[in-house]
Amino acid sequence: MNNRVLGARDRLARHHYVRKASPETNYWADFSHQKLADYVARYGHGFCLILWGLESDPDDFYCIPFAAVHHLFTEASLDGGSRARWIVDIKDGNLNVRNCIEVVSVHDYYGKWPDEVLK
């Protein structure tokens, strides 16, 4: 059975920021500064960051309401590389944003999404 996010990725991406993230690398992903700013401009904090993992596992994904983690995505926590982006990973159910001291538990957002996500 395929990952539920993979099957609905195009539809989900219209309203949510969807990224591939492998459990082997602690769900490492990056979020573009410009793309995240576009989602915020369109939806405020009313969208999710969706990280999906194994294609073969239907429930290997995190659907994290941006409102729960927006305070981690600051100018100070941007990666210092050539691209304006935030680098994140999830270890032991905690979302870590590189260059940010605080972590946020996202355990409750693993493998499920609110009904409004698929509308």
PDB file of N, CA and C in Angstrom:
ATOM      1  N   MET A   1       0.843  -1.184   0.000  1.00  0.00           N
ATOM      2  CA  MET A   1       0.000   0.000   0.000  1.00  0.00           C
ATOM      3  C   MET A   1       0.890   1.250   0.000  1.00  0.00           C
ATOM      4  N   ASN A   2       0.514   2.239  -0.760  1.00  0.00           N
ATOM      5  CA  ASN A   2       1.299   3.466  -0.875  1.00  0.00           C
ATOM      6  C   ASN A   2       1.009   4.455   0.242  1.00  0.00           C
ATOM      7  N   ASN A   3       1.977   5.279   0.496  1.00  0.00           N
ATOM      8  CA  ASN A   3       1.838   6.363   1.471  1.00  0.00           C
ATOM      9  C   ASN A   3       0.654   7.238   1.075  1.00  0.00           C
ATOM     10  N   ARG A   4      -0.193   7.567   2.036  1.00  0.00           N
ATOM     11  CA  ARG A   4      -1.398   8.364   1.757  1.00  0.00           C
ATOM     12  C   ARG A   4      -1.068   9.761   1.256  1.00  0.00           C
ATOM     13  N   VAL A   5       0.031  10.328   1.697  1.00  0.00           N
ATOM     14  CA  VAL A   5       0.417  11.659   1.222  1.00  0.00           C
ATOM     15  C   VAL A   5       0.834  11.580  -0.238  1.00  0.00           C
ATOM     16  N   LEU A   6       1.611  10.566  -0.580  1.00  0.00           N
ATOM     17  CA  LEU A   6       2.063  10.412  -1.954  1.00  0.00           C
ATOM     18  C   LEU A   6       0.876  10.344  -2.906  1.00  0.00           C
ATOM     19  N   GLY A   7      -0.157   9.602  -2.531  1.00  0.00           N
ATOM     20  CA  GLY A   7      -1.340   9.468  -3.377  1.00  0.00           C
ATOM     21  C   GLY A   7      -2.134  10.751  -3.544  1.00  0.00           C
ATOM     22  N   ALA A   8      -2.003  11.671  -2.605  1.00  0.00           N
ATOM     23  CA  ALA A   8      -2.777  12.919  -2.651  1.00  0.00           C
ATOM     24  C   ALA A   8      -1.883  14.151  -2.731  1.00  0.00           C
ATOM     25  N   ARG A   9      -0.624  13.942  -3.071  1.00  0.00           N
ATOM     26  CA  ARG A   9       0.365  15.022  -2.997  1.00  0.00           C
ATOM     27  C   ARG A   9      -0.029  16.268  -3.795  1.00  0.00           C
ATOM     28  N   ASP A  10      -0.429  16.111  -5.032  1.00  0.00           N
ATOM     29  CA  ASP A  10      -0.781  17.273  -5.853  1.00  0.00           C
ATOM     30  C   ASP A  10      -1.928  18.069  -5.238  1.00  0.00           C
ATOM     31  N   ARG A  11      -2.924  17.366  -4.763  1.00  0.00           N
ATOM     32  CA  ARG A  11      -4.076  18.038  -4.139  1.00  0.00           C
ATOM     33  C   ARG A  11      -3.671  18.698  -2.826  1.00  0.00           C
ATOM     34  N   LEU A  12      -2.891  18.006  -2.021  1.00  0.00           N
ATOM     35  CA  LEU A  12      -2.456  18.556  -0.738  1.00  0.00           C
ATOM     36  C   LEU A  12      -1.596  19.801  -0.924  1.00  0.00           C
ATOM     37  N   ALA A  13      -0.719  19.783  -1.926  1.00  0.00           N
ATOM     38  CA  ALA A  13       0.234  20.878  -2.133  1.00  0.00           C
ATOM     39  C   ALA A  13      -0.448  22.190  -2.525  1.00  0.00           C
ATOM     40  N   ARG A  14      -1.683  22.144  -2.920  1.00  0.00           N
ATOM     41  CA  ARG A  14      -2.400  23.386  -3.237  1.00  0.00           C
ATOM     42  C   ARG A  14      -2.602  24.261  -2.014  1.00  0.00           C
ATOM     43  N   HIS A  15      -2.680  23.635  -0.846  1.00  0.00           N
ATOM     44  CA  HIS A  15      -2.974  24.390   0.372  1.00  0.00           C
ATOM     45  C   HIS A  15      -1.964  24.129   1.497  1.00  0.00           C
ATOM     46  N   HIS A  16      -1.053  23.178   1.300  1.00  0.00           N
ATOM     47  CA  HIS A  16      -0.101  22.800   2.345  1.00  0.00           C
ATOM     48  C   HIS A  16       1.286  22.640   1.733  1.00  0.00           C
ATOM     49  N   TYR A  17       2.302  22.873   2.549  1.00  0.00           N
ATOM     50  CA  TYR A  17       3.688  22.761   2.097  1.00  0.00           C
ATOM     51  C   TYR A  17       4.118  21.312   2.309  1.00  0.00           C
ATOM     52  N   VAL A  18       4.274  20.554   1.216  1.00  0.00           N
ATOM     53  CA  VAL A  18       4.552  19.120   1.257  1.00  0.00           C
ATOM     54  C   VAL A  18       6.008  18.860   0.862  1.00  0.00           C
ATOM     55  N   ARG A  19       6.693  18.077   1.686  1.00  0.00           N
ATOM     56  CA  ARG A  19       8.095  17.733   1.419  1.00  0.00           C
ATOM     57  C   ARG A  19       8.315  16.242   1.675  1.00  0.00           C
ATOM     58  N   LYS A  20       9.202  15.636   0.899  1.00  0.00           N
ATOM     59  CA  LYS A  20       9.646  14.261   1.116  1.00  0.00           C
ATOM     60  C   LYS A  20      10.710  14.284   2.208  1.00  0.00           C
ATOM     61  N   ALA A  21      10.625  13.351   3.144  1.00  0.00           N
ATOM     62  CA  ALA A  21      11.584  13.292   4.255  1.00  0.00           C
ATOM     63  C   ALA A  21      11.713  11.839   4.714  1.00  0.00           C
ATOM     64  N   SER A  22      12.908  11.334   4.696  1.00  0.00           N
ATOM     65  CA  SER A  22      13.144   9.930   5.007  1.00  0.00           C
ATOM     66  C   SER A  22      13.299   9.693   6.507  1.00  0.00           C
ATOM     67  N   PRO A  23      12.675   8.623   7.019  1.00  0.00           N
ATOM     68  CA  PRO A  23      12.892   8.284   8.431  1.00  0.00           C
ATOM     69  C   PRO A  23      14.346   7.901   8.713  1.00  0.00           C
ATOM     70  N   GLU A  24      15.076   7.422   7.700  1.00  0.00           N
ATOM     71  CA  GLU A  24      16.480   7.056   7.890  1.00  0.00           C
ATOM     72  C   GLU A  24      17.353   8.270   8.200  1.00  0.00           C
ATOM     73  N   THR A  25      16.915   9.455   7.834  1.00  0.00           N
ATOM     74  CA  THR A  25      17.665  10.681   8.109  1.00  0.00           C
ATOM     75  C   THR A  25      16.903  11.579   9.089  1.00  0.00           C
ATOM     76  N   ASN A  26      16.136  10.945   9.981  1.00  0.00           N
ATOM     77  CA  ASN A  26      15.342  11.686  10.973  1.00  0.00           C
ATOM     78  C   ASN A  26      14.425  12.710  10.315  1.00  0.00           C
ATOM     79  N   TYR A  27      13.830  12.322   9.194  1.00  0.00           N
ATOM     80  CA  TYR A  27      12.885  13.192   8.469  1.00  0.00           C
ATOM     81  C   TYR A  27      13.498  14.553   8.148  1.00  0.00           C
ATOM     82  N   TRP A  28      14.775  14.535   7.758  1.00  0.00           N
ATOM     83  CA  TRP A  28      15.449  15.763   7.349  1.00  0.00           C
ATOM     84  C   TRP A  28      14.714  16.349   6.145  1.00  0.00           C
ATOM     85  N   ALA A  29      14.484  17.661   6.174  1.00  0.00           N
ATOM     86  CA  ALA A  29      13.853  18.358   5.050  1.00  0.00           C
ATOM     87  C   ALA A  29      14.280  19.808   5.094  1.00  0.00           C
ATOM     88  N   ASP A  30      14.039  20.485   3.985  1.00  0.00           N
ATOM     89  CA  ASP A  30      14.272  21.923   3.970  1.00  0.00           C
ATOM     90  C   ASP A  30      13.012  22.619   3.471  1.00  0.00           C
ATOM     91  N   PHE A  31      12.820  23.831   3.942  1.00  0.00           N
ATOM     92  CA  PHE A  31      11.676  24.648   3.559  1.00  0.00           C
ATOM     93  C   PHE A  31      12.203  25.978   3.027  1.00  0.00           C
ATOM     94  N   SER A  32      11.848  26.280   1.807  1.00  0.00           N
ATOM     95  CA  SER A  32      12.287  27.509   1.155  1.00  0.00           C
ATOM     96  C   SER A  32      11.660  28.735   1.823  1.00  0.00           C
ATOM     97  N   HIS A  33      12.484  29.749   2.058  1.00  0.00           N
ATOM     98  CA  HIS A  33      12.000  31.003   2.640  1.00  0.00           C
ATOM     99  C   HIS A  33      10.896  31.596   1.768  1.00  0.00           C
ATOM    100  N   GLN A  34      11.124  31.677   0.451  1.00  0.00           N
ATOM    101  CA  GLN A  34      10.141  32.293  -0.445  1.00  0.00           C
ATOM    102  C   GLN A  34       8.847  31.489  -0.511  1.00  0.00           C
ATOM    103  N   LYS A  35       8.968  30.185  -0.627  1.00  0.00           N
ATOM    104  CA  LYS A  35       7.765  29.352  -0.728  1.00  0.00           C
ATOM    105  C   LYS A  35       6.962  29.407   0.575  1.00  0.00           C
ATOM    106  N   LEU A  36       7.640  29.369   1.702  1.00  0.00           N
ATOM    107  CA  LEU A  36       6.938  29.468   2.983  1.00  0.00           C
ATOM    108  C   LEU A  36       6.266  30.828   3.107  1.00  0.00           C
ATOM    109  N   ALA A  37       6.946  31.884   2.677  1.00  0.00           N
ATOM    110  CA  ALA A  37       6.348  33.220   2.701  1.00  0.00           C
ATOM    111  C   ALA A  37       5.102  33.276   1.814  1.00  0.00           C
ATOM    112  N   ASP A  38       5.126  32.587   0.686  1.00  0.00           N
ATOM    113  CA  ASP A  38       3.957  32.545  -0.198  1.00  0.00           C
ATOM    114  C   ASP A  38       2.770  31.865   0.486  1.00  0.00           C
ATOM    115  N   TYR A  39       3.017  30.740   1.164  1.00  0.00           N
ATOM    116  CA  TYR A  39       1.936  30.063   1.893  1.00  0.00           C
ATOM    117  C   TYR A  39       1.381  30.961   2.998  1.00  0.00           C
ATOM    118  N   VAL A  40       2.262  31.625   3.731  1.00  0.00           N
ATOM    119  CA  VAL A  40       1.813  32.524   4.802  1.00  0.00           C
ATOM    120  C   VAL A  40       0.988  33.672   4.216  1.00  0.00           C
ATOM    121  N   ALA A  41       1.403  34.223   3.092  1.00  0.00           N
ATOM    122  CA  ALA A  41       0.656  35.312   2.460  1.00  0.00           C
ATOM    123  C   ALA A  41      -0.735  34.857   2.031  1.00  0.00           C
ATOM    124  N   ARG A  42      -0.834  33.632   1.556  1.00  0.00           N
ATOM    125  CA  ARG A  42      -2.129  33.106   1.099  1.00  0.00           C
ATOM    126  C   ARG A  42      -3.021  32.623   2.228  1.00  0.00           C
ATOM    127  N   TYR A  43      -2.440  31.955   3.238  1.00  0.00           N
ATOM    128  CA  TYR A  43      -3.252  31.251   4.239  1.00  0.00           C
ATOM    129  C   TYR A  43      -2.995  31.676   5.675  1.00  0.00           C
ATOM    130  N   GLY A  44      -2.155  32.684   5.900  1.00  0.00           N
ATOM    131  CA  GLY A  44      -1.805  33.033   7.274  1.00  0.00           C
ATOM    132  C   GLY A  44      -1.092  31.850   7.909  1.00  0.00           C
ATOM    133  N   HIS A  45      -1.563  31.436   9.066  1.00  0.00           N
ATOM    134  CA  HIS A  45      -1.005  30.246   9.709  1.00  0.00           C
ATOM    135  C   HIS A  45      -1.919  29.048   9.518  1.00  0.00           C
ATOM    136  N   GLY A  46      -2.887  29.144   8.605  1.00  0.00           N
ATOM    137  CA  GLY A  46      -3.884  28.096   8.390  1.00  0.00           C
ATOM    138  C   GLY A  46      -3.492  27.064   7.350  1.00  0.00           C
ATOM    139  N   PHE A  47      -2.290  26.547   7.429  1.00  0.00           N
ATOM    140  CA  PHE A  47      -1.859  25.473   6.538  1.00  0.00           C
ATOM    141  C   PHE A  47      -0.944  24.548   7.336  1.00  0.00           C
ATOM    142  N   CYS A  48      -0.579  23.436   6.740  1.00  0.00           N
ATOM    143  CA  CYS A  48       0.283  22.460   7.419  1.00  0.00           C
ATOM    144  C   CYS A  48       1.595  22.280   6.675  1.00  0.00           C
ATOM    145  N   LEU A  49       2.607  21.921   7.431  1.00  0.00           N
ATOM    146  CA  LEU A  49       3.858  21.414   6.885  1.00  0.00           C
ATOM    147  C   LEU A  49       3.720  19.901   6.889  1.00  0.00           C
ATOM    148  N   ILE A  50       3.758  19.297   5.727  1.00  0.00           N
ATOM    149  CA  ILE A  50       3.554  17.849   5.623  1.00  0.00           C
ATOM    150  C   ILE A  50       4.857  17.210   5.156  1.00  0.00           C
ATOM    151  N   LEU A  51       5.381  16.334   5.995  1.00  0.00           N
ATOM    152  CA  LEU A  51       6.599  15.591   5.681  1.00  0.00           C
ATOM    153  C   LEU A  51       6.224  14.126   5.532  1.00  0.00           C
ATOM    154  N   TRP A  52       6.458  13.563   4.366  1.00  0.00           N
ATOM    155  CA  TRP A  52       6.122  12.152   4.162  1.00  0.00           C
ATOM    156  C   TRP A  52       7.378  11.331   3.984  1.00  0.00           C
ATOM    157  N   GLY A  53       7.324  10.110   4.500  1.00  0.00           N
ATOM    158  CA  GLY A  53       8.494   9.253   4.528  1.00  0.00           C
ATOM    159  C   GLY A  53       8.429   8.094   3.562  1.00  0.00           C
ATOM    160  N   LEU A  54       8.336   6.894   4.083  1.00  0.00           N
ATOM    161  CA  LEU A  54       8.385   5.681   3.271  1.00  0.00           C
ATOM    162  C   LEU A  54       7.180   5.572   2.343  1.00  0.00           C
ATOM    163  N   GLU A  55       7.457   5.325   1.069  1.00  0.00           N
ATOM    164  CA  GLU A  55       6.372   5.168   0.102  1.00  0.00           C
ATOM    165  C   GLU A  55       5.501   3.958   0.432  1.00  0.00           C
ATOM    166  N   SER A  56       6.092   2.921   0.996  1.00  0.00           N
ATOM    167  CA  SER A  56       5.375   1.673   1.260  1.00  0.00           C
ATOM    168  C   SER A  56       4.544   1.697   2.538  1.00  0.00           C
ATOM    169  N   ASP A  57       4.674   2.729   3.350  1.00  0.00           N
ATOM    170  CA  ASP A  57       3.940   2.825   4.614  1.00  0.00           C
ATOM    171  C   ASP A  57       2.875   3.909   4.498  1.00  0.00           C
ATOM    172  N   PRO A  58       1.601   3.543   4.513  1.00  0.00           N
ATOM    173  CA  PRO A  58       0.541   4.533   4.311  1.00  0.00           C
ATOM    174  C   PRO A  58       0.527   5.651   5.350  1.00  0.00           C
ATOM    175  N   ASP A  59       1.002   5.356   6.537  1.00  0.00           N
ATOM    176  CA  ASP A  59       0.911   6.337   7.623  1.00  0.00           C
ATOM    177  C   ASP A  59       2.258   6.922   8.038  1.00  0.00           C
ATOM    178  N   ASP A  60       3.267   6.829   7.193  1.00  0.00           N
ATOM    179  CA  ASP A  60       4.571   7.401   7.527  1.00  0.00           C
ATOM    180  C   ASP A  60       4.633   8.848   7.041  1.00  0.00           C
ATOM    181  N   PHE A  61       4.030   9.712   7.822  1.00  0.00           N
ATOM    182  CA  PHE A  61       4.049  11.138   7.509  1.00  0.00           C
ATOM    183  C   PHE A  61       3.752  11.941   8.769  1.00  0.00           C
ATOM    184  N   TYR A  62       4.166  13.184   8.747  1.00  0.00           N
ATOM    185  CA  TYR A  62       3.802  14.174   9.753  1.00  0.00           C
ATOM    186  C   TYR A  62       2.978  15.246   9.056  1.00  0.00           C
ATOM    187  N   CYS A  63       1.885  15.632   9.655  1.00  0.00           N
ATOM    188  CA  CYS A  63       1.054  16.729   9.163  1.00  0.00           C
ATOM    189  C   CYS A  63       0.991  17.757  10.298  1.00  0.00           C
ATOM    190  N   ILE A  64       1.894  18.733  10.233  1.00  0.00           N
ATOM    191  CA  ILE A  64       2.117  19.659  11.345  1.00  0.00           C
ATOM    192  C   ILE A  64       1.464  21.001  11.047  1.00  0.00           C
ATOM    193  N   PRO A  65       0.489  21.408  11.838  1.00  0.00           N
ATOM    194  CA  PRO A  65      -0.107  22.735  11.620  1.00  0.00           C
ATOM    195  C   PRO A  65       0.975  23.814  11.768  1.00  0.00           C
ATOM    196  N   PHE A  66       1.081  24.678  10.767  1.00  0.00           N
ATOM    197  CA  PHE A  66       2.099  25.717  10.820  1.00  0.00           C
ATOM    198  C   PHE A  66       1.907  26.594  12.048  1.00  0.00           C
ATOM    199  N   ALA A  67       0.668  26.789  12.469  1.00  0.00           N
ATOM    200  CA  ALA A  67       0.390  27.614  13.651  1.00  0.00           C
ATOM    201  C   ALA A  67       1.109  27.083  14.894  1.00  0.00           C
ATOM    202  N   ALA A  68       1.354  25.770  14.944  1.00  0.00           N
ATOM    203  CA  ALA A  68       2.001  25.161  16.117  1.00  0.00           C
ATOM    204  C   ALA A  68       3.514  25.355  16.128  1.00  0.00           C
ATOM    205  N   VAL A  69       4.103  25.699  14.976  1.00  0.00           N
ATOM    206  CA  VAL A  69       5.563  25.765  14.893  1.00  0.00           C
ATOM    207  C   VAL A  69       6.090  27.047  14.247  1.00  0.00           C
ATOM    208  N   HIS A  70       5.218  27.951  13.883  1.00  0.00           N
ATOM    209  CA  HIS A  70       5.631  29.152  13.134  1.00  0.00           C
ATOM    210  C   HIS A  70       6.713  29.954  13.841  1.00  0.00           C
ATOM    211  N   HIS A  71       6.690  29.929  15.170  1.00  0.00           N
ATOM    212  CA  HIS A  71       7.661  30.718  15.926  1.00  0.00           C
ATOM    213  C   HIS A  71       9.100  30.207  15.784  1.00  0.00           C
ATOM    214  N   LEU A  72       9.290  29.005  15.256  1.00  0.00           N
ATOM    215  CA  LEU A  72      10.627  28.463  15.030  1.00  0.00           C
ATOM    216  C   LEU A  72      11.233  28.966  13.719  1.00  0.00           C
ATOM    217  N   PHE A  73      10.386  29.408  12.801  1.00  0.00           N
ATOM    218  CA  PHE A  73      10.819  29.810  11.467  1.00  0.00           C
ATOM    219  C   PHE A  73      11.060  31.316  11.428  1.00  0.00           C
ATOM    220  N   THR A  74      12.210  31.715  11.954  1.00  0.00           N
ATOM    221  CA  THR A  74      12.564  33.129  12.042  1.00  0.00           C
ATOM    222  C   THR A  74      13.732  33.421  11.112  1.00  0.00           C
ATOM    223  N   GLU A  75      13.994  34.690  10.906  1.00  0.00           N
ATOM    224  CA  GLU A  75      15.160  35.078  10.103  1.00  0.00           C
ATOM    225  C   GLU A  75      16.443  34.540  10.742  1.00  0.00           C
ATOM    226  N   ALA A  76      16.511  34.546  12.060  1.00  0.00           N
ATOM    227  CA  ALA A  76      17.712  34.079  12.768  1.00  0.00           C
ATOM    228  C   ALA A  76      17.943  32.576  12.584  1.00  0.00           C
ATOM    229  N   SER A  77      16.880  31.811  12.346  1.00  0.00           N
ATOM    230  CA  SER A  77      17.052  30.363  12.204  1.00  0.00           C
ATOM    231  C   SER A  77      17.202  29.913  10.752  1.00  0.00           C
ATOM    232  N   LEU A  78      17.265  30.858   9.813  1.00  0.00           N
ATOM    233  CA  LEU A  78      17.526  30.492   8.425  1.00  0.00           C
ATOM    234  C   LEU A  78      18.909  29.864   8.305  1.00  0.00           C
ATOM    235  N   ASP A  79      19.043  28.905   7.405  1.00  0.00           N
ATOM    236  CA  ASP A  79      20.337  28.289   7.156  1.00  0.00           C
ATOM    237  C   ASP A  79      21.272  29.322   6.545  1.00  0.00           C
ATOM    238  N   GLY A  80      22.510  29.287   6.919  1.00  0.00           N
ATOM    239  CA  GLY A  80      23.479  30.270   6.438  1.00  0.00           C
ATOM    240  C   GLY A  80      24.059  29.961   5.074  1.00  0.00           C
ATOM    241  N   GLY A  81      23.510  28.966   4.376  1.00  0.00           N
ATOM    242  CA  GLY A  81      24.043  28.593   3.069  1.00  0.00           C
ATOM    243  C   GLY A  81      23.622  29.551   1.969  1.00  0.00           C
ATOM    244  N   SER A  82      23.822  29.109   0.747  1.00  0.00           N
ATOM    245  CA  SER A  82      23.563  29.969  -0.410  1.00  0.00           C
ATOM    246  C   SER A  82      22.079  30.142  -0.715  1.00  0.00           C
ATOM    247  N   ARG A  83      21.231  29.263  -0.189  1.00  0.00           N
ATOM    248  CA  ARG A  83      19.786  29.377  -0.422  1.00  0.00           C
ATOM    249  C   ARG A  83      19.100  29.806   0.864  1.00  0.00           C
ATOM    250  N   ALA A  84      18.101  30.651   0.725  1.00  0.00           N
ATOM    251  CA  ALA A  84      17.331  31.079   1.897  1.00  0.00           C
ATOM    252  C   ALA A  84      16.334  29.970   2.233  1.00  0.00           C
ATOM    253  N   ARG A  85      16.672  29.191   3.260  1.00  0.00           N
ATOM    254  CA  ARG A  85      15.822  28.068   3.634  1.00  0.00           C
ATOM    255  C   ARG A  85      16.029  27.715   5.097  1.00  0.00           C
ATOM    256  N   TRP A  86      15.049  26.996   5.617  1.00  0.00           N
ATOM    257  CA  TRP A  86      15.164  26.431   6.952  1.00  0.00           C
ATOM    258  C   TRP A  86      15.396  24.940   6.782  1.00  0.00           C
ATOM    259  N   ILE A  87      16.288  24.402   7.594  1.00  0.00           N
ATOM    260  CA  ILE A  87      16.562  22.970   7.587  1.00  0.00           C
ATOM    261  C   ILE A  87      16.014  22.394   8.886  1.00  0.00           C
ATOM    262  N   VAL A  88      15.240  21.323   8.741  1.00  0.00           N
ATOM    263  CA  VAL A  88      14.585  20.722   9.902  1.00  0.00           C
ATOM    264  C   VAL A  88      14.851  19.225   9.919  1.00  0.00           C
ATOM    265  N   ASP A  89      14.659  18.638  11.085  1.00  0.00           N
ATOM    266  CA  ASP A  89      14.568  17.192  11.206  1.00  0.00           C
ATOM    267  C   ASP A  89      13.658  16.879  12.377  1.00  0.00           C
ATOM    268  N   ILE A  90      13.226  15.644  12.416  1.00  0.00           N
ATOM    269  CA  ILE A  90      12.361  15.196  13.509  1.00  0.00           C
ATOM    270  C   ILE A  90      13.022  13.982  14.133  1.00  0.00           C
ATOM    271  N   LYS A  91      13.388  14.120  15.385  1.00  0.00           N
ATOM    272  CA  LYS A  91      14.026  13.031  16.119  1.00  0.00           C
ATOM    273  C   LYS A  91      13.270  12.827  17.419  1.00  0.00           C
ATOM    274  N   ASP A  92      12.924  11.579  17.700  1.00  0.00           N
ATOM    275  CA  ASP A  92      12.162  11.236  18.908  1.00  0.00           C
ATOM    276  C   ASP A  92      10.885  12.063  19.018  1.00  0.00           C
ATOM    277  N   GLY A  93      10.251  12.333  17.873  1.00  0.00           N
ATOM    278  CA  GLY A  93       8.982  13.064  17.867  1.00  0.00           C
ATOM    279  C   GLY A  93       9.112  14.559  18.077  1.00  0.00           C
ATOM    280  N   ASN A  94      10.343  15.079  18.027  1.00  0.00           N
ATOM    281  CA  ASN A  94      10.569  16.512  18.226  1.00  0.00           C
ATOM    282  C   ASN A  94      11.065  17.163  16.950  1.00  0.00           C
ATOM    283  N   LEU A  95      10.419  18.258  16.560  1.00  0.00           N
ATOM    284  CA  LEU A  95      10.840  19.029  15.403  1.00  0.00           C
ATOM    285  C   LEU A  95      11.969  19.955  15.813  1.00  0.00           C
ATOM    286  N   ASN A  96      13.084  19.816  15.109  1.00  0.00           N
ATOM    287  CA  ASN A  96      14.259  20.657  15.327  1.00  0.00           C
ATOM    288  C   ASN A  96      14.451  21.510  14.084  1.00  0.00           C
ATOM    289  N   VAL A  97      14.559  22.804  14.261  1.00  0.00           N
ATOM    290  CA  VAL A  97      14.915  23.706  13.179  1.00  0.00           C
ATOM    291  C   VAL A  97      16.358  24.116  13.424  1.00  0.00           C
ATOM    292  N   ARG A  98      17.211  23.841  12.457  1.00  0.00           N
ATOM    293  CA  ARG A  98      18.625  24.187  12.604  1.00  0.00           C
ATOM    294  C   ARG A  98      18.755  25.674  12.934  1.00  0.00           C
ATOM    295  N   ASN A  99      19.666  26.012  13.801  1.00  0.00           N
ATOM    296  CA  ASN A  99      19.932  27.383  14.272  1.00  0.00           C
ATOM    297  C   ASN A  99      18.858  27.897  15.229  1.00  0.00           C
ATOM    298  N   CYS A 100      18.042  27.002  15.749  1.00  0.00           N
ATOM    299  CA  CYS A 100      17.012  27.381  16.717  1.00  0.00           C
ATOM    300  C   CYS A 100      17.191  26.504  17.954  1.00  0.00           C
ATOM    301  N   ILE A 101      17.217  27.113  19.114  1.00  0.00           N
ATOM    302  CA  ILE A 101      17.428  26.367  20.353  1.00  0.00           C
ATOM    303  C   ILE A 101      16.196  25.551  20.736  1.00  0.00           C
ATOM    304  N   GLU A 102      15.028  26.102  20.545  1.00  0.00           N
ATOM    305  CA  GLU A 102      13.783  25.448  20.954  1.00  0.00           C
ATOM    306  C   GLU A 102      13.430  24.307  20.007  1.00  0.00           C
ATOM    307  N   VAL A 103      12.861  23.246  20.556  1.00  0.00           N
ATOM    308  CA  VAL A 103      12.280  22.162  19.772  1.00  0.00           C
ATOM    309  C   VAL A 103      10.813  22.052  20.156  1.00  0.00           C
ATOM    310  N   VAL A 104      10.018  21.500  19.253  1.00  0.00           N
ATOM    311  CA  VAL A 104       8.582  21.353  19.501  1.00  0.00           C
ATOM    312  C   VAL A 104       8.199  19.899  19.271  1.00  0.00           C
ATOM    313  N   SER A 105       7.466  19.335  20.211  1.00  0.00           N
ATOM    314  CA  SER A 105       6.972  17.975  20.045  1.00  0.00           C
ATOM    315  C   SER A 105       5.919  17.948  18.934  1.00  0.00           C
ATOM    316  N   VAL A 106       6.138  17.060  17.963  1.00  0.00           N
ATOM    317  CA  VAL A 106       5.178  16.894  16.875  1.00  0.00           C
ATOM    318  C   VAL A 106       4.677  15.448  16.817  1.00  0.00           C
ATOM    319  N   HIS A 107       4.914  14.726  17.887  1.00  0.00           N
ATOM    320  CA  HIS A 107       4.515  13.322  17.964  1.00  0.00           C
ATOM    321  C   HIS A 107       3.040  13.136  17.634  1.00  0.00           C
ATOM    322  N   ASP A 108       2.188  14.028  18.128  1.00  0.00           N
ATOM    323  CA  ASP A 108       0.748  13.907  17.911  1.00  0.00           C
ATOM    324  C   ASP A 108       0.330  14.117  16.462  1.00  0.00           C
ATOM    325  N   TYR A 109       1.221  14.606  15.628  1.00  0.00           N
ATOM    326  CA  TYR A 109       0.902  14.877  14.228  1.00  0.00           C
ATOM    327  C   TYR A 109       1.412  13.784  13.289  1.00  0.00           C
ATOM    328  N   TYR A 110       1.879  12.682  13.858  1.00  0.00           N
ATOM    329  CA  TYR A 110       2.410  11.598  13.042  1.00  0.00           C
ATOM    330  C   TYR A 110       1.286  10.660  12.595  1.00  0.00           C
ATOM    331  N   GLY A 111       1.213  10.423  11.286  1.00  0.00           N
ATOM    332  CA  GLY A 111       0.294   9.423  10.740  1.00  0.00           C
ATOM    333  C   GLY A 111      -1.157   9.796  10.709  1.00  0.00           C
ATOM    334  N   LYS A 112      -1.477  11.042  10.965  1.00  0.00           N
ATOM    335  CA  LYS A 112      -2.884  11.460  10.906  1.00  0.00           C
ATOM    336  C   LYS A 112      -2.951  12.924  10.513  1.00  0.00           C
ATOM    337  N   TRP A 113      -4.067  13.300   9.980  1.00  0.00           N
ATOM    338  CA  TRP A 113      -4.261  14.701   9.632  1.00  0.00           C
ATOM    339  C   TRP A 113      -5.680  15.095   9.953  1.00  0.00           C
ATOM    340  N   PRO A 114      -5.861  16.373  10.226  1.00  0.00           N
ATOM    341  CA  PRO A 114      -7.217  16.874  10.488  1.00  0.00           C
ATOM    342  C   PRO A 114      -8.067  16.720   9.236  1.00  0.00           C
ATOM    343  N   ASP A 115      -9.358  16.533   9.400  1.00  0.00           N
ATOM    344  CA  ASP A 115     -10.274  16.356   8.274  1.00  0.00           C
ATOM    345  C   ASP A 115     -10.170  17.509   7.267  1.00  0.00           C
ATOM    346  N   GLU A 116      -9.952  18.720   7.744  1.00  0.00           N
ATOM    347  CA  GLU A 116      -9.931  19.866   6.834  1.00  0.00           C
ATOM    348  C   GLU A 116      -8.735  19.852   5.887  1.00  0.00           C
ATOM    349  N   VAL A 117      -7.717  19.051   6.173  1.00  0.00           N
ATOM    350  CA  VAL A 117      -6.536  19.002   5.306  1.00  0.00           C
ATOM    351  C   VAL A 117      -6.898  18.495   3.914  1.00  0.00           C
ATOM    352  N   LEU A 118      -7.773  17.530   3.833  1.00  0.00           N
ATOM    353  CA  LEU A 118      -8.103  16.932   2.526  1.00  0.00           C
ATOM    354  C   LEU A 118      -9.250  17.631   1.804  1.00  0.00           C
ATOM    355  N   LYS A 119      -9.769  18.696   2.371  1.00  0.00           N
ATOM    356  CA  LYS A 119     -10.876  19.405   1.707  1.00  0.00           C
ATOM    357  C   LYS A 119     -10.376  20.224   0.556  1.00  0.00           C
TER     358      LYS A 119
END
